[in-house]
Amino acid sequence: MGLEGLEQYMLPCTNKTLFGIECMGCGIQRATALLFKGEFIAAFHMYPAIYSLFLLLAFVTFNLFVKFKYDFQIKVFLIFLNVAIIVISYVLKMAPIISTIQ
């Protein structure tokens, strides 16, 4: 099975299914699939926090084996960076929807 068959195993968003509105995590599975296909710009457009999340994951994995000074502060910074990117991109994505409701 190639990467093309990956889409059939993706989980649907419960929030979007129930309420019709995307959640803050919508797009991360598709962005990861695009990343594995080598479509880096499309992955960023799908989910802007994809690269910072992978950076956080790589750092935490590396830090499991190698401990050093200020590792906790770096992890906290990366977590706050990811939260900020996710929230800002979600607000920008939802802005057209919110403006049509009012």
Protein backbone atom coordinates (compact mmCIF):
# COMPACT_ATOMS: atom_id res chain seq x y z
CA MET A 1 0.00 0.00 0.00
CA GLY A 2 1.42 3.37 -1.01
CA LEU A 3 0.77 6.74 0.48
CA GLU A 4 -2.25 7.20 -1.79
CA GLY A 5 -4.18 4.61 0.23
CA LEU A 6 -3.50 6.47 3.47
CA GLU A 7 -6.54 8.74 3.09
CA GLN A 8 -8.98 5.86 3.54
CA TYR A 9 -7.66 5.26 7.08
CA MET A 10 -7.96 8.85 8.28
CA LEU A 11 -10.30 9.50 11.18
CA PRO A 12 -13.17 11.94 10.63
CA CYS A 13 -13.37 15.01 12.84
CA THR A 14 -16.07 14.44 15.46
CA ASN A 15 -16.58 18.17 15.96
CA LYS A 16 -17.09 18.75 12.24
CA THR A 17 -19.37 15.72 11.97
CA LEU A 18 -21.58 16.76 14.89
CA PHE A 19 -21.57 20.55 14.63
CA GLY A 20 -20.39 21.29 11.10
CA ILE A 21 -17.49 23.44 12.34
CA GLU A 22 -13.85 22.45 12.10
CA CYS A 23 -11.85 22.03 15.30
CA MET A 24 -8.33 23.31 15.96
CA GLY A 25 -6.89 19.94 14.96
CA CYS A 26 -8.70 19.64 11.64
CA GLY A 27 -6.21 19.13 8.86
CA ILE A 28 -3.33 17.63 10.83
CA GLN A 29 -3.84 14.12 9.40
CA ARG A 30 -4.06 15.41 5.84
CA ALA A 31 -1.06 17.72 6.41
CA THR A 32 0.98 14.78 7.71
CA ALA A 33 0.03 12.72 4.65
CA LEU A 34 0.99 15.62 2.39
CA LEU A 35 4.29 15.92 4.24
CA PHE A 36 5.06 12.24 3.66
CA LYS A 37 4.20 12.70 -0.03
CA GLY A 38 6.72 15.52 -0.24
CA GLU A 39 4.17 18.30 -0.73
CA PHE A 40 5.67 20.61 1.88
CA ILE A 41 3.93 23.86 0.95
CA ALA A 42 0.54 22.15 0.68
CA ALA A 43 1.12 20.60 4.11
CA PHE A 44 1.80 24.04 5.58
CA HIS A 45 -1.32 25.48 3.96
CA MET A 46 -3.38 22.57 5.27
CA TYR A 47 -2.13 22.90 8.87
CA PRO A 48 0.35 25.73 9.59
CA ALA A 49 1.60 24.23 12.87
CA ILE A 50 2.75 21.00 11.22
CA TYR A 51 6.46 21.92 11.17
CA SER A 52 6.58 23.35 14.68
CA LEU A 53 4.76 20.26 15.98
CA PHE A 54 7.31 17.98 14.33
CA LEU A 55 10.08 20.14 15.79
CA LEU A 56 8.53 19.74 19.26
CA LEU A 57 8.14 15.99 18.76
CA ALA A 58 11.75 15.66 17.58
CA PHE A 59 13.04 17.72 20.50
CA VAL A 60 11.06 15.76 23.10
CA THR A 61 12.21 12.46 21.58
CA PHE A 62 15.83 13.64 21.52
CA ASN A 63 15.50 14.89 25.10
CA LEU A 64 14.42 11.44 26.27
CA PHE A 65 17.94 10.24 25.54
CA VAL A 66 20.05 13.37 25.98
CA LYS A 67 19.47 15.65 28.98
CA PHE A 68 20.91 19.15 29.04
CA LYS A 69 20.52 22.50 30.72
CA TYR A 70 17.40 24.54 29.84
CA ASP A 71 15.64 21.63 28.16
CA PHE A 72 12.47 22.31 30.16
CA GLN A 73 12.42 25.95 29.11
CA ILE A 74 12.89 24.98 25.47
CA LYS A 75 10.00 22.50 25.68
CA VAL A 76 7.74 25.11 27.30
CA PHE A 77 8.67 27.64 24.61
CA LEU A 78 7.94 25.15 21.83
CA ILE A 79 4.60 24.23 23.42
CA PHE A 80 3.55 27.88 23.69
CA LEU A 81 4.72 28.51 20.13
CA ASN A 82 2.59 25.61 18.87
CA VAL A 83 -0.45 26.74 20.83
CA ALA A 84 -0.08 30.26 19.46
CA ILE A 85 0.27 29.06 15.86
CA ILE A 86 -2.70 26.71 16.20
CA VAL A 87 -4.98 29.33 17.79
CA ILE A 88 -4.01 32.11 15.36
CA SER A 89 -4.43 29.90 12.30
CA TYR A 90 -7.78 28.65 13.62
CA VAL A 91 -9.04 32.21 14.18
CA LEU A 92 -7.92 33.22 10.69
CA LYS A 93 -9.58 30.13 9.21
CA MET A 94 -12.83 30.76 11.08
CA ALA A 95 -12.96 34.54 10.47
CA PRO A 96 -14.94 34.26 7.20
CA ILE A 97 -17.42 31.88 8.85
CA ILE A 98 -17.88 34.13 11.88
CA SER A 99 -18.43 37.20 9.67
CA THR A 100 -21.23 35.45 7.75
CA ILE A 101 -23.03 34.53 10.99
CA GLN A 102 -23.23 38.14 12.20
